[in-house]
Amino acid sequence: MKVEFCYADGGQVKVVQDSEEIKDILNIVTKEGSKVHIFNQQQENLYGYVSEVLYQIDQDTGEAFLSIYIAEEFKYTTQGRILNKLSAIEKKIEELC
């Protein structure tokens, strides 16, 4: 199975790896909020946080692939959004006191 690392904004595929080549780290890079920095000489560097993981099957070929979407900022992950909302709640509580 191929693993695609894509930018979260627009979905442009930046790095493609075979899942067997990254099987030792696959459980880490598929966890939302994980910080990743991927670089190699053949393809562009990719740095950011996992915002979404999508398993897909091509209907024409039957080939399965995993798309991992990387956001440049942590706030675009679910964990980041929760932390932002908690910070806003804390500020409102401080304003009331």
PDB file of N, CA and C in Angstrom:
ATOM      1  N   MET A   1       0.851  -1.165   0.000  1.00  0.00           N
ATOM      2  CA  MET A   1       0.000   0.000   0.000  1.00  0.00           C
ATOM      3  C   MET A   1       0.903   1.236   0.000  1.00  0.00           C
ATOM      4  N   LYS A   2       0.507   2.222  -0.752  1.00  0.00           N
ATOM      5  CA  LYS A   2       1.226   3.492  -0.807  1.00  0.00           C
ATOM      6  C   LYS A   2       0.707   4.421   0.277  1.00  0.00           C
ATOM      7  N   VAL A   3       1.598   5.208   0.835  1.00  0.00           N
ATOM      8  CA  VAL A   3       1.239   6.221   1.821  1.00  0.00           C
ATOM      9  C   VAL A   3       1.599   7.571   1.224  1.00  0.00           C
ATOM     10  N   GLU A   4       0.593   8.447   1.146  1.00  0.00           N
ATOM     11  CA  GLU A   4       0.790   9.784   0.588  1.00  0.00           C
ATOM     12  C   GLU A   4       0.788  10.796   1.725  1.00  0.00           C
ATOM     13  N   PHE A   5       1.784  11.653   1.743  1.00  0.00           N
ATOM     14  CA  PHE A   5       1.820  12.760   2.688  1.00  0.00           C
ATOM     15  C   PHE A   5       1.443  14.003   1.903  1.00  0.00           C
ATOM     16  N   CYS A   6       0.371  14.657   2.319  1.00  0.00           N
ATOM     17  CA  CYS A   6      -0.200  15.788   1.578  1.00  0.00           C
ATOM     18  C   CYS A   6      -0.339  16.998   2.493  1.00  0.00           C
ATOM     19  N   TYR A   7      -0.329  18.180   1.868  1.00  0.00           N
ATOM     20  CA  TYR A   7      -0.647  19.396   2.622  1.00  0.00           C
ATOM     21  C   TYR A   7      -2.138  19.420   2.908  1.00  0.00           C
ATOM     22  N   ALA A   8      -2.504  19.802   4.127  1.00  0.00           N
ATOM     23  CA  ALA A   8      -3.915  19.850   4.514  1.00  0.00           C
ATOM     24  C   ALA A   8      -4.677  20.904   3.726  1.00  0.00           C
ATOM     25  N   ASP A   9      -4.018  21.988   3.392  1.00  0.00           N
ATOM     26  CA  ASP A   9      -4.685  23.044   2.628  1.00  0.00           C
ATOM     27  C   ASP A   9      -4.492  22.783   1.136  1.00  0.00           C
ATOM     28  N   GLY A  10      -5.453  22.141   0.536  1.00  0.00           N
ATOM     29  CA  GLY A  10      -5.407  21.856  -0.894  1.00  0.00           C
ATOM     30  C   GLY A  10      -5.153  20.402  -1.235  1.00  0.00           C
ATOM     31  N   GLY A  11      -4.574  19.652  -0.331  1.00  0.00           N
ATOM     32  CA  GLY A  11      -4.373  18.229  -0.556  1.00  0.00           C
ATOM     33  C   GLY A  11      -3.274  17.847  -1.528  1.00  0.00           C
ATOM     34  N   GLN A  12      -2.400  18.783  -1.874  1.00  0.00           N
ATOM     35  CA  GLN A  12      -1.323  18.498  -2.821  1.00  0.00           C
ATOM     36  C   GLN A  12      -0.387  17.442  -2.237  1.00  0.00           C
ATOM     37  N   VAL A  13      -0.188  16.345  -2.968  1.00  0.00           N
ATOM     38  CA  VAL A  13       0.683  15.257  -2.526  1.00  0.00           C
ATOM     39  C   VAL A  13       2.135  15.711  -2.648  1.00  0.00           C
ATOM     40  N   LYS A  14       2.891  15.598  -1.553  1.00  0.00           N
ATOM     41  CA  LYS A  14       4.278  16.037  -1.543  1.00  0.00           C
ATOM     42  C   LYS A  14       5.255  14.870  -1.478  1.00  0.00           C
ATOM     43  N   VAL A  15       4.920  13.829  -0.736  1.00  0.00           N
ATOM     44  CA  VAL A  15       5.821  12.693  -0.567  1.00  0.00           C
ATOM     45  C   VAL A  15       4.985  11.420  -0.639  1.00  0.00           C
ATOM     46  N   VAL A  16       5.488  10.423  -1.371  1.00  0.00           N
ATOM     47  CA  VAL A  16       4.823   9.123  -1.456  1.00  0.00           C
ATOM     48  C   VAL A  16       5.825   8.058  -1.027  1.00  0.00           C
ATOM     49  N   GLN A  17       5.403   7.206  -0.110  1.00  0.00           N
ATOM     50  CA  GLN A  17       6.242   6.120   0.388  1.00  0.00           C
ATOM     51  C   GLN A  17       5.435   4.822   0.362  1.00  0.00           C
ATOM     52  N   ASP A  18       6.120   3.716   0.229  1.00  0.00           N
ATOM     53  CA  ASP A  18       5.475   2.418   0.367  1.00  0.00           C
ATOM     54  C   ASP A  18       5.327   2.141   1.855  1.00  0.00           C
ATOM     55  N   SER A  19       4.197   1.603   2.257  1.00  0.00           N
ATOM     56  CA  SER A  19       3.942   1.381   3.683  1.00  0.00           C
ATOM     57  C   SER A  19       4.964   0.432   4.314  1.00  0.00           C
ATOM     58  N   GLU A  20       5.499  -0.478   3.544  1.00  0.00           N
ATOM     59  CA  GLU A  20       6.517  -1.402   4.077  1.00  0.00           C
ATOM     60  C   GLU A  20       7.796  -0.654   4.462  1.00  0.00           C
ATOM     61  N   GLU A  21       8.110   0.401   3.734  1.00  0.00           N
ATOM     62  CA  GLU A  21       9.322   1.170   4.019  1.00  0.00           C
ATOM     63  C   GLU A  21       9.211   1.959   5.313  1.00  0.00           C
ATOM     64  N   ILE A  22       7.999   2.296   5.712  1.00  0.00           N
ATOM     65  CA  ILE A  22       7.813   3.115   6.925  1.00  0.00           C
ATOM     66  C   ILE A  22       6.980   2.394   7.982  1.00  0.00           C
ATOM     67  N   LYS A  23       6.932   1.065   7.898  1.00  0.00           N
ATOM     68  CA  LYS A  23       6.071   0.311   8.812  1.00  0.00           C
ATOM     69  C   LYS A  23       6.426   0.526  10.287  1.00  0.00           C
ATOM     70  N   ASP A  24       7.701   0.815  10.588  1.00  0.00           N
ATOM     71  CA  ASP A  24       8.108   1.011  11.978  1.00  0.00           C
ATOM     72  C   ASP A  24       7.585   2.320  12.570  1.00  0.00           C
ATOM     73  N   ILE A  25       7.281   3.296  11.730  1.00  0.00           N
ATOM     74  CA  ILE A  25       6.798   4.591  12.234  1.00  0.00           C
ATOM     75  C   ILE A  25       5.363   4.879  11.820  1.00  0.00           C
ATOM     76  N   LEU A  26       4.738   3.963  11.116  1.00  0.00           N
ATOM     77  CA  LEU A  26       3.387   4.195  10.595  1.00  0.00           C
ATOM     78  C   LEU A  26       2.378   4.503  11.703  1.00  0.00           C
ATOM     79  N   ASN A  27       2.500   3.820  12.834  1.00  0.00           N
ATOM     80  CA  ASN A  27       1.556   4.074  13.935  1.00  0.00           C
ATOM     81  C   ASN A  27       1.744   5.464  14.533  1.00  0.00           C
ATOM     82  N   ILE A  28       2.917   6.062  14.381  1.00  0.00           N
ATOM     83  CA  ILE A  28       3.166   7.411  14.888  1.00  0.00           C
ATOM     84  C   ILE A  28       2.661   8.459  13.909  1.00  0.00           C
ATOM     85  N   VAL A  29       2.978   8.292  12.630  1.00  0.00           N
ATOM     86  CA  VAL A  29       2.624   9.312  11.636  1.00  0.00           C
ATOM     87  C   VAL A  29       1.156   9.274  11.239  1.00  0.00           C
ATOM     88  N   THR A  30       0.409   8.327  11.752  1.00  0.00           N
ATOM     89  CA  THR A  30      -1.030   8.307  11.482  1.00  0.00           C
ATOM     90  C   THR A  30      -1.834   8.831  12.670  1.00  0.00           C
ATOM     91  N   LYS A  31      -1.165   9.246  13.734  1.00  0.00           N
ATOM     92  CA  LYS A  31      -1.850   9.773  14.916  1.00  0.00           C
ATOM     93  C   LYS A  31      -2.054  11.275  14.747  1.00  0.00           C
ATOM     94  N   GLU A  32      -3.308  11.696  14.818  1.00  0.00           N
ATOM     95  CA  GLU A  32      -3.619  13.113  14.656  1.00  0.00           C
ATOM     96  C   GLU A  32      -2.886  13.945  15.701  1.00  0.00           C
ATOM     97  N   GLY A  33      -2.287  15.040  15.245  1.00  0.00           N
ATOM     98  CA  GLY A  33      -1.547  15.930  16.127  1.00  0.00           C
ATOM     99  C   GLY A  33      -0.064  15.627  16.187  1.00  0.00           C
ATOM    100  N   SER A  34       0.354  14.477  15.635  1.00  0.00           N
ATOM    101  CA  SER A  34       1.778  14.140  15.637  1.00  0.00           C
ATOM    102  C   SER A  34       2.558  15.147  14.806  1.00  0.00           C
ATOM    103  N   LYS A  35       3.721  15.507  15.308  1.00  0.00           N
ATOM    104  CA  LYS A  35       4.604  16.419  14.586  1.00  0.00           C
ATOM    105  C   LYS A  35       5.485  15.582  13.659  1.00  0.00           C
ATOM    106  N   VAL A  36       5.502  15.937  12.384  1.00  0.00           N
ATOM    107  CA  VAL A  36       6.306  15.184  11.416  1.00  0.00           C
ATOM    108  C   VAL A  36       7.217  16.126  10.641  1.00  0.00           C
ATOM    109  N   HIS A  37       8.381  15.609  10.309  1.00  0.00           N
ATOM    110  CA  HIS A  37       9.320  16.314   9.445  1.00  0.00           C
ATOM    111  C   HIS A  37       9.893  15.263   8.498  1.00  0.00           C
ATOM    112  N   ILE A  38       9.471  15.338   7.262  1.00  0.00           N
ATOM    113  CA  ILE A  38       9.873  14.361   6.256  1.00  0.00           C
ATOM    114  C   ILE A  38      10.769  15.063   5.245  1.00  0.00           C
ATOM    115  N   PHE A  39      11.898  14.491   5.002  1.00  0.00           N
ATOM    116  CA  PHE A  39      12.791  15.073   4.002  1.00  0.00           C
ATOM    117  C   PHE A  39      13.570  13.952   3.332  1.00  0.00           C
ATOM    118  N   ASN A  40      13.786  14.136   2.049  1.00  0.00           N
ATOM    119  CA  ASN A  40      14.648  13.245   1.293  1.00  0.00           C
ATOM    120  C   ASN A  40      15.181  14.013   0.095  1.00  0.00           C
ATOM    121  N   GLN A  41      16.141  13.456  -0.593  1.00  0.00           N
ATOM    122  CA  GLN A  41      16.791  14.184  -1.676  1.00  0.00           C
ATOM    123  C   GLN A  41      15.954  14.224  -2.946  1.00  0.00           C
ATOM    124  N   GLN A  42      15.090  13.246  -3.162  1.00  0.00           N
ATOM    125  CA  GLN A  42      14.311  13.191  -4.387  1.00  0.00           C
ATOM    126  C   GLN A  42      13.073  14.084  -4.347  1.00  0.00           C
ATOM    127  N   GLN A  43      12.516  14.285  -3.169  1.00  0.00           N
ATOM    128  CA  GLN A  43      11.246  14.991  -3.071  1.00  0.00           C
ATOM    129  C   GLN A  43      11.353  16.152  -2.096  1.00  0.00           C
ATOM    130  N   GLU A  44      10.343  16.966  -2.065  1.00  0.00           N
ATOM    131  CA  GLU A  44      10.312  18.164  -1.229  1.00  0.00           C
ATOM    132  C   GLU A  44      10.174  17.828   0.251  1.00  0.00           C
ATOM    133  N   ASN A  45      10.746  18.680   1.094  1.00  0.00           N
ATOM    134  CA  ASN A  45      10.593  18.534   2.540  1.00  0.00           C
ATOM    135  C   ASN A  45       9.155  18.832   2.941  1.00  0.00           C
ATOM    136  N   LEU A  46       8.721  18.175   3.997  1.00  0.00           N
ATOM    137  CA  LEU A  46       7.366  18.379   4.510  1.00  0.00           C
ATOM    138  C   LEU A  46       7.451  18.430   6.029  1.00  0.00           C
ATOM    139  N   TYR A  47       6.936  19.507   6.601  1.00  0.00           N
ATOM    140  CA  TYR A  47       7.022  19.705   8.042  1.00  0.00           C
ATOM    141  C   TYR A  47       5.680  20.222   8.559  1.00  0.00           C
ATOM    142  N   GLY A  48       5.208  19.653   9.654  1.00  0.00           N
ATOM    143  CA  GLY A  48       3.966  20.124  10.246  1.00  0.00           C
ATOM    144  C   GLY A  48       3.359  19.085  11.171  1.00  0.00           C
ATOM    145  N   TYR A  49       2.045  19.156  11.298  1.00  0.00           N
ATOM    146  CA  TYR A  49       1.308  18.291  12.222  1.00  0.00           C
ATOM    147  C   TYR A  49       0.240  17.510  11.464  1.00  0.00           C
ATOM    148  N   VAL A  50       0.060  16.253  11.835  1.00  0.00           N
ATOM    149  CA  VAL A  50      -0.954  15.421  11.193  1.00  0.00           C
ATOM    150  C   VAL A  50      -2.331  15.963  11.558  1.00  0.00           C
ATOM    151  N   SER A  51      -3.088  16.358  10.548  1.00  0.00           N
ATOM    152  CA  SER A  51      -4.417  16.904  10.804  1.00  0.00           C
ATOM    153  C   SER A  51      -5.528  15.924  10.447  1.00  0.00           C
ATOM    154  N   GLU A  52      -5.230  14.991   9.533  1.00  0.00           N
ATOM    155  CA  GLU A  52      -6.258  14.039   9.113  1.00  0.00           C
ATOM    156  C   GLU A  52      -5.592  12.857   8.418  1.00  0.00           C
ATOM    157  N   VAL A  53      -6.205  11.679   8.550  1.00  0.00           N
ATOM    158  CA  VAL A  53      -5.725  10.473   7.880  1.00  0.00           C
ATOM    159  C   VAL A  53      -6.910   9.864   7.149  1.00  0.00           C
ATOM    160  N   LEU A  54      -6.698   9.516   5.893  1.00  0.00           N
ATOM    161  CA  LEU A  54      -7.792   9.012   5.071  1.00  0.00           C
ATOM    162  C   LEU A  54      -7.324   7.763   4.317  1.00  0.00           C
ATOM    163  N   TYR A  55      -8.038   6.656   4.495  1.00  0.00           N
ATOM    164  CA  TYR A  55      -7.765   5.406   3.773  1.00  0.00           C
ATOM    165  C   TYR A  55      -8.677   5.369   2.558  1.00  0.00           C
ATOM    166  N   GLN A  56      -8.092   5.163   1.381  1.00  0.00           N
ATOM    167  CA  GLN A  56      -8.873   5.199   0.149  1.00  0.00           C
ATOM    168  C   GLN A  56      -8.546   3.998  -0.733  1.00  0.00           C
ATOM    169  N   ILE A  57      -9.515   3.641  -1.561  1.00  0.00           N
ATOM    170  CA  ILE A  57      -9.317   2.578  -2.547  1.00  0.00           C
ATOM    171  C   ILE A  57      -9.706   3.136  -3.905  1.00  0.00           C
ATOM    172  N   ASP A  58      -8.787   3.036  -4.858  1.00  0.00           N
ATOM    173  CA  ASP A  58      -9.054   3.496  -6.222  1.00  0.00           C
ATOM    174  C   ASP A  58     -10.041   2.528  -6.861  1.00  0.00           C
ATOM    175  N   GLN A  59     -11.189   3.014  -7.299  1.00  0.00           N
ATOM    176  CA  GLN A  59     -12.227   2.149  -7.859  1.00  0.00           C
ATOM    177  C   GLN A  59     -11.802   1.508  -9.174  1.00  0.00           C
ATOM    178  N   ASP A  60     -10.966   2.188  -9.944  1.00  0.00           N
ATOM    179  CA  ASP A  60     -10.540   1.648 -11.232  1.00  0.00           C
ATOM    180  C   ASP A  60      -9.516   0.533 -11.090  1.00  0.00           C
ATOM    181  N   THR A  61      -8.525   0.744 -10.218  1.00  0.00           N
ATOM    182  CA  THR A  61      -7.437  -0.228 -10.099  1.00  0.00           C
ATOM    183  C   THR A  61      -7.566  -1.137  -8.888  1.00  0.00           C
ATOM    184  N   GLY A  62      -8.377  -0.747  -7.908  1.00  0.00           N
ATOM    185  CA  GLY A  62      -8.499  -1.515  -6.675  1.00  0.00           C
ATOM    186  C   GLY A  62      -7.330  -1.299  -5.730  1.00  0.00           C
ATOM    187  N   GLU A  63      -6.432  -0.405  -6.094  1.00  0.00           N
ATOM    188  CA  GLU A  63      -5.256  -0.141  -5.274  1.00  0.00           C
ATOM    189  C   GLU A  63      -5.644   0.689  -4.041  1.00  0.00           C
ATOM    190  N   ALA A  64      -5.151   0.265  -2.882  1.00  0.00           N
ATOM    191  CA  ALA A  64      -5.426   0.981  -1.639  1.00  0.00           C
ATOM    192  C   ALA A  64      -4.276   1.925  -1.339  1.00  0.00           C
ATOM    193  N   PHE A  65      -4.616   3.074  -0.777  1.00  0.00           N
ATOM    194  CA  PHE A  65      -3.569   3.997  -0.336  1.00  0.00           C
ATOM    195  C   PHE A  65      -4.057   4.781   0.862  1.00  0.00           C
ATOM    196  N   LEU A  66      -3.111   5.253   1.611  1.00  0.00           N
ATOM    197  CA  LEU A  66      -3.377   6.001   2.828  1.00  0.00           C
ATOM    198  C   LEU A  66      -2.892   7.428   2.609  1.00  0.00           C
ATOM    199  N   SER A  67      -3.785   8.389   2.796  1.00  0.00           N
ATOM    200  CA  SER A  67      -3.418   9.798   2.658  1.00  0.00           C
ATOM    201  C   SER A  67      -3.316  10.406   4.050  1.00  0.00           C
ATOM    202  N   ILE A  68      -2.156  10.998   4.333  1.00  0.00           N
ATOM    203  CA  ILE A  68      -1.921  11.657   5.605  1.00  0.00           C
ATOM    204  C   ILE A  68      -1.782  13.145   5.316  1.00  0.00           C
ATOM    205  N   TYR A  69      -2.682  13.930   5.883  1.00  0.00           N
ATOM    206  CA  TYR A  69      -2.711  15.365   5.618  1.00  0.00           C
ATOM    207  C   TYR A  69      -1.961  16.103   6.717  1.00  0.00           C
ATOM    208  N   ILE A  70      -1.039  16.958   6.290  1.00  0.00           N
ATOM    209  CA  ILE A  70      -0.166  17.681   7.205  1.00  0.00           C
ATOM    210  C   ILE A  70      -0.519  19.169   7.194  1.00  0.00           C
ATOM    211  N   ALA A  71      -0.811  19.714   8.371  1.00  0.00           N
ATOM    212  CA  ALA A  71      -1.078  21.144   8.518  1.00  0.00           C
ATOM    213  C   ALA A  71       0.183  21.806   9.056  1.00  0.00           C
ATOM    214  N   GLU A  72       0.440  23.024   8.603  1.00  0.00           N
ATOM    215  CA  GLU A  72       1.642  23.722   9.048  1.00  0.00           C
ATOM    216  C   GLU A  72       1.543  24.168  10.502  1.00  0.00           C
ATOM    217  N   GLU A  73       0.332  24.340  11.002  1.00  0.00           N
ATOM    218  CA  GLU A  73       0.151  24.792  12.375  1.00  0.00           C
ATOM    219  C   GLU A  73      -0.674  23.781  13.157  1.00  0.00           C
ATOM    220  N   PHE A  74      -0.335  23.624  14.418  1.00  0.00           N
ATOM    221  CA  PHE A  74      -1.005  22.666  15.290  1.00  0.00           C
ATOM    222  C   PHE A  74      -2.480  22.997  15.486  1.00  0.00           C
ATOM    223  N   LYS A  75      -2.835  24.277  15.378  1.00  0.00           N
ATOM    224  CA  LYS A  75      -4.215  24.683  15.650  1.00  0.00           C
ATOM    225  C   LYS A  75      -5.220  24.077  14.680  1.00  0.00           C
ATOM    226  N   TYR A  76      -4.770  23.524  13.564  1.00  0.00           N
ATOM    227  CA  TYR A  76      -5.687  22.939  12.594  1.00  0.00           C
ATOM    228  C   TYR A  76      -5.981  21.471  12.859  1.00  0.00           C
ATOM    229  N   THR A  77      -5.382  20.900  13.883  1.00  0.00           N
ATOM    230  CA  THR A  77      -5.728  19.537  14.278  1.00  0.00           C
ATOM    231  C   THR A  77      -6.862  19.609  15.294  1.00  0.00           C
ATOM    232  N   THR A  78      -7.543  18.518  15.524  1.00  0.00           N
ATOM    233  CA  THR A  78      -8.625  18.491  16.513  1.00  0.00           C
ATOM    234  C   THR A  78      -8.086  18.865  17.887  1.00  0.00           C
ATOM    235  N   GLN A  79      -6.931  18.317  18.241  1.00  0.00           N
ATOM    236  CA  GLN A  79      -6.332  18.642  19.536  1.00  0.00           C
ATOM    237  C   GLN A  79      -6.021  20.129  19.621  1.00  0.00           C
ATOM    238  N   GLY A  80      -5.507  20.688  18.552  1.00  0.00           N
ATOM    239  CA  GLY A  80      -5.187  22.109  18.527  1.00  0.00           C
ATOM    240  C   GLY A  80      -6.426  22.976  18.663  1.00  0.00           C
ATOM    241  N   ARG A  81      -7.512  22.589  17.988  1.00  0.00           N
ATOM    242  CA  ARG A  81      -8.759  23.348  18.085  1.00  0.00           C
ATOM    243  C   ARG A  81      -9.318  23.293  19.507  1.00  0.00           C
ATOM    244  N   ILE A  82      -9.223  22.132  20.151  1.00  0.00           N
ATOM    245  CA  ILE A  82      -9.695  21.992  21.528  1.00  0.00           C
ATOM    246  C   ILE A  82      -8.873  22.886  22.451  1.00  0.00           C
ATOM    247  N   LEU A  83      -7.545  22.892  22.270  1.00  0.00           N
ATOM    248  CA  LEU A  83      -6.693  23.738  23.100  1.00  0.00           C
ATOM    249  C   LEU A  83      -6.999  25.215  22.893  1.00  0.00           C
ATOM    250  N   ASN A  84      -7.267  25.608  21.656  1.00  0.00           N
ATOM    251  CA  ASN A  84      -7.627  27.008  21.383  1.00  0.00           C
ATOM    252  C   ASN A  84      -8.929  27.377  22.086  1.00  0.00           C
ATOM    253  N   LYS A  85      -9.912  26.487  22.049  1.00  0.00           N
ATOM    254  CA  LYS A  85     -11.193  26.764  22.701  1.00  0.00           C
ATOM    255  C   LYS A  85     -11.044  26.808  24.220  1.00  0.00           C
ATOM    256  N   LEU A  86     -10.221  25.925  24.768  1.00  0.00           N
ATOM    257  CA  LEU A  86      -9.980  25.943  26.213  1.00  0.00           C
ATOM    258  C   LEU A  86      -9.296  27.239  26.635  1.00  0.00           C
ATOM    259  N   SER A  87      -8.371  27.714  25.820  1.00  0.00           N
ATOM    260  CA  SER A  87      -7.695  28.985  26.117  1.00  0.00           C
ATOM    261  C   SER A  87      -8.691  30.142  26.109  1.00  0.00           C
ATOM    262  N   ALA A  88      -9.605  30.124  25.156  1.00  0.00           N
ATOM    263  CA  ALA A  88     -10.628  31.175  25.078  1.00  0.00           C
ATOM    264  C   ALA A  88     -11.536  31.139  26.306  1.00  0.00           C
ATOM    265  N   ILE A  89     -11.888  29.947  26.766  1.00  0.00           N
ATOM    266  CA  ILE A  89     -12.734  29.794  27.953  1.00  0.00           C
ATOM    267  C   ILE A  89     -11.989  30.315  29.183  1.00  0.00           C
ATOM    268  N   GLU A  90     -10.699  29.962  29.289  1.00  0.00           N
ATOM    269  CA  GLU A  90      -9.894  30.442  30.422  1.00  0.00           C
ATOM    270  C   GLU A  90      -9.843  31.966  30.452  1.00  0.00           C
ATOM    271  N   LYS A  91      -9.680  32.600  29.283  1.00  0.00           N
ATOM    272  CA  LYS A  91      -9.635  34.065  29.216  1.00  0.00           C
ATOM    273  C   LYS A  91     -10.957  34.679  29.675  1.00  0.00           C
ATOM    274  N   LYS A  92     -12.068  34.069  29.263  1.00  0.00           N
ATOM    275  CA  LYS A  92     -13.386  34.585  29.665  1.00  0.00           C
ATOM    276  C   LYS A  92     -13.578  34.443  31.168  1.00  0.00           C
ATOM    277  N   ILE A  93     -13.120  33.357  31.733  1.00  0.00           N
ATOM    278  CA  ILE A  93     -13.225  33.149  33.181  1.00  0.00           C
ATOM    279  C   ILE A  93     -12.396  34.203  33.910  1.00  0.00           C
ATOM    280  N   GLU A  94     -11.184  34.467  33.414  1.00  0.00           N
ATOM    281  CA  GLU A  94     -10.325  35.487  34.024  1.00  0.00           C
ATOM    282  C   GLU A  94     -10.971  36.863  33.943  1.00  0.00           C
ATOM    283  N   GLU A  95     -11.640  37.152  32.832  1.00  0.00           N
ATOM    284  CA  GLU A  95     -12.318  38.441  32.672  1.00  0.00           C
ATOM    285  C   GLU A  95     -13.461  38.596  33.667  1.00  0.00           C
ATOM    286  N   LEU A  96     -14.116  37.504  34.000  1.00  0.00           N
ATOM    287  CA  LEU A  96     -15.241  37.548  34.923  1.00  0.00           C
ATOM    288  C   LEU A  96     -14.790  37.702  36.379  1.00  0.00           C
ATOM    289  N   CYS A  97     -13.576  37.287  36.665  1.00  0.00           N
ATOM    290  CA  CYS A  97     -13.086  37.336  38.062  1.00  0.00           C
ATOM    291  C   CYS A  97     -12.546  38.684  38.444  1.00  0.00           C
TER     292      CYS A  97
END
